[in-house]
C-alpha atoms as a PDB file:
ATOM      1  CA  MET A   1      52.592  86.970 -32.769  1.00  0.00           C
ATOM      2  CA  ASN A   2      50.384  88.782 -30.310  1.00  0.00           C
ATOM      3  CA  GLU A   3      51.246  89.640 -26.725  1.00  0.00           C
ATOM      4  CA  CYS A   4      48.783  87.103 -25.369  1.00  0.00           C
ATOM      5  CA  SER A   5      50.121  84.159 -27.396  1.00  0.00           C
ATOM      6  CA  THR A   6      52.447  83.223 -24.528  1.00  0.00           C
ATOM      7  CA  CYS A   7      49.692  83.409 -21.913  1.00  0.00           C
ATOM      8  CA  ASN A   8      48.382  80.620 -19.771  1.00  0.00           C
ATOM      9  CA  CYS A   9      45.719  78.179 -20.885  1.00  0.00           C
ATOM     10  CA  LEU A  10      43.109  80.144 -18.958  1.00  0.00           C
ATOM     11  CA  CYS A  11      43.356  83.020 -21.440  1.00  0.00           C
ATOM     12  CA  GLN A  12      42.839  80.536 -24.264  1.00  0.00           C
ATOM     13  CA  GLN A  13      39.785  79.105 -22.482  1.00  0.00           C
ATOM     14  CA  LEU A  14      38.292  82.583 -22.114  1.00  0.00           C
ATOM     15  CA  ASP A  15      38.953  83.236 -25.794  1.00  0.00           C
ATOM     16  CA  ALA A  16      37.074  80.041 -26.687  1.00  0.00           C
ATOM     17  CA  SER A  17      34.193  80.653 -24.243  1.00  0.00           C
ATOM     18  CA  LYS A  18      30.876  81.986 -25.431  1.00  0.00           C
ATOM     19  CA  ARG A  19      29.811  85.487 -24.561  1.00  0.00           C
ATOM     20  CA  GLY A  20      27.332  85.370 -21.679  1.00  0.00           C
ATOM     21  CA  LYS A  21      28.935  82.365 -19.952  1.00  0.00           C
ATOM     22  CA  THR A  22      29.192  82.869 -16.195  1.00  0.00           C
ATOM     23  CA  PHE A  23      32.209  82.275 -13.978  1.00  0.00           C
ATOM     24  CA  PHE A  24      33.564  82.641 -10.483  1.00  0.00           C
ATOM     25  CA  ILE A  25      37.054  84.178 -10.725  1.00  0.00           C
ATOM     26  CA  PHE A  26      40.107  83.359  -8.616  1.00  0.00           C
ATOM     27  CA  LEU A  27      42.881  85.950  -8.932  1.00  0.00           C
ATOM     28  CA  GLN A  28      46.505  84.920  -8.528  1.00  0.00           C
ATOM     29  CA  GLY A  29      47.359  84.487  -4.848  1.00  0.00           C
ATOM     30  CA  ALA A  30      43.718  84.434  -3.723  1.00  0.00           C
ATOM     31  CA  LEU A  31      42.253  81.604  -1.662  1.00  0.00           C
ATOM     32  CA  LEU A  32      38.626  82.531  -2.360  1.00  0.00           C
ATOM     33  CA  PRO A  33      36.751  83.589  -5.484  1.00  0.00           C
ATOM     34  CA  LEU A  34      36.725  87.305  -6.212  1.00  0.00           C
ATOM     35  CA  GLY A  35      33.918  89.076  -4.391  1.00  0.00           C
ATOM     36  CA  ILE A  36      32.838  92.614  -5.174  1.00  0.00           C
ATOM     37  CA  SER A  37      30.248  93.720  -2.649  1.00  0.00           C
ATOM     38  CA  ILE A  38      29.762  95.908   0.384  1.00  0.00           C
ATOM     39  CA  ALA A  39      29.541  92.872   2.680  1.00  0.00           C
ATOM     40  CA  THR A  40      32.463  92.040   4.966  1.00  0.00           C
ATOM     41  CA  PRO A  41      33.943  89.734   3.921  1.00  0.00           C
ATOM     42  CA  PRO A  42      32.604  90.123   0.385  1.00  0.00           C
ATOM     43  CA  ALA A  43      30.584  87.212  -0.969  1.00  0.00           C
ATOM     44  CA  SER A  44      31.784  85.550  -4.166  1.00  0.00           C
ATOM     45  CA  THR A  45      30.554  87.414  -7.230  1.00  0.00           C
ATOM     46  CA  LEU A  46      29.226  85.668 -10.324  1.00  0.00           C
ATOM     47  CA  PHE A  47      30.749  87.287 -13.419  1.00  0.00           C
ATOM     48  CA  THR A  48      29.415  87.128 -16.975  1.00  0.00           C
ATOM     49  CA  LEU A  49      31.892  87.090 -19.857  1.00  0.00           C
ATOM     50  CA  VAL A  50      31.417  90.093 -22.140  1.00  0.00           C
ATOM     51  CA  SER A  51      34.545  89.842 -24.295  1.00  0.00           C
ATOM     52  CA  HIS A  52      38.165  88.743 -24.464  1.00  0.00           C
ATOM     53  CA  ASP A  53      40.805  90.399 -26.644  1.00  0.00           C
ATOM     54  CA  ALA A  54      43.503  87.822 -27.363  1.00  0.00           C
ATOM     55  CA  SER A  55      45.868  90.493 -28.702  1.00  0.00           C
ATOM     56  CA  SER A  56      45.953  92.424 -25.411  1.00  0.00           C
ATOM     57  CA  CYS A  57      44.917  89.714 -22.887  1.00  0.00           C
ATOM     58  CA  CYS A  58      42.132  92.066 -21.788  1.00  0.00           C
ATOM     59  CA  VAL A  59      38.975  90.349 -20.601  1.00  0.00           C
ATOM     60  CA  ILE A  60      35.751  92.157 -19.765  1.00  0.00           C
ATOM     61  CA  PHE A  61      33.153  90.753 -17.388  1.00  0.00           C
ATOM     62  CA  SER A  62      29.852  92.173 -16.203  1.00  0.00           C
ATOM     63  CA  PHE A  63      28.289  91.626 -12.788  1.00  0.00           C
ATOM     64  CA  LEU A  64      25.424  92.973 -10.734  1.00  0.00           C
ATOM     65  CA  GLY A  65      26.294  95.676  -8.229  1.00  0.00           C
ATOM     66  CA  ALA A  66      24.898  96.010  -4.711  1.00  0.00           C
ATOM     67  CA  SER A  67      21.708  97.691  -5.951  1.00  0.00           C
ATOM     68  CA  GLY A  68      21.267  95.254  -8.833  1.00  0.00           C
ATOM     69  CA  GLU A  69      22.726  97.632 -11.391  1.00  0.00           C
ATOM     70  CA  PRO A  70      25.003  96.140 -14.085  1.00  0.00           C
ATOM     71  CA  ARG A  71      28.705  96.876 -13.555  1.00  0.00           C
ATOM     72  CA  ILE A  72      31.845  96.131 -15.594  1.00  0.00           C
ATOM     73  CA  LEU A  73      35.141  94.544 -14.506  1.00  0.00           C
ATOM     74  CA  ILE A  74      38.168  94.694 -16.815  1.00  0.00           C
ATOM     75  CA  LEU A  75      41.097  92.363 -16.087  1.00  0.00           C
ATOM     76  CA  ASP A  76      44.304  91.173 -17.672  1.00  0.00           C
ATOM     77  CA  CYS A  77      43.585  87.456 -18.090  1.00  0.00           C
ATOM     78  CA  ARG A  78      47.174  86.699 -17.045  1.00  0.00           C
ATOM     79  CA  GLN A  79      46.262  87.839 -13.505  1.00  0.00           C
ATOM     80  CA  ILE A  80      43.499  85.253 -13.213  1.00  0.00           C
ATOM     81  CA  ALA A  81      44.608  81.967 -11.641  1.00  0.00           C
ATOM     82  CA  ALA A  82      41.370  80.017 -12.170  1.00  0.00           C
ATOM     83  CA  ILE A  83      37.797  80.270 -13.366  1.00  0.00           C
ATOM     84  CA  VAL A  84      34.921  78.056 -12.273  1.00  0.00           C
ATOM     85  CA  PRO A  85      31.800  77.916 -14.439  1.00  0.00           C
ATOM     86  CA  GLY A  86      28.871  79.523 -12.665  1.00  0.00           C
ATOM     87  CA  ILE A  87      25.455  78.070 -12.021  1.00  0.00           C
ATOM     88  CA  LEU A  88      23.737  80.265 -14.612  1.00  0.00           C
ATOM     89  CA  THR A  89      25.652  78.980 -17.653  1.00  0.00           C
END
């Protein structure tokens, strides 16, 4: 049995999602989607699924930085409260 087998359904959804699918991410306790930008307050960021490791609950997303450069975000899927499919799916 892997560590992530007791995780929430969201981790299972990420595991079943296709690489390249886009999402807005809501972290636990957040009222707004995660925004990574230099704006104040940050605008919601559209994240692209790169991979999900069901044995460690590690999920990797890519996103475009402020200058349009690709960036990487690595999260424990158990810290994500919700995902909303993005408009570029």
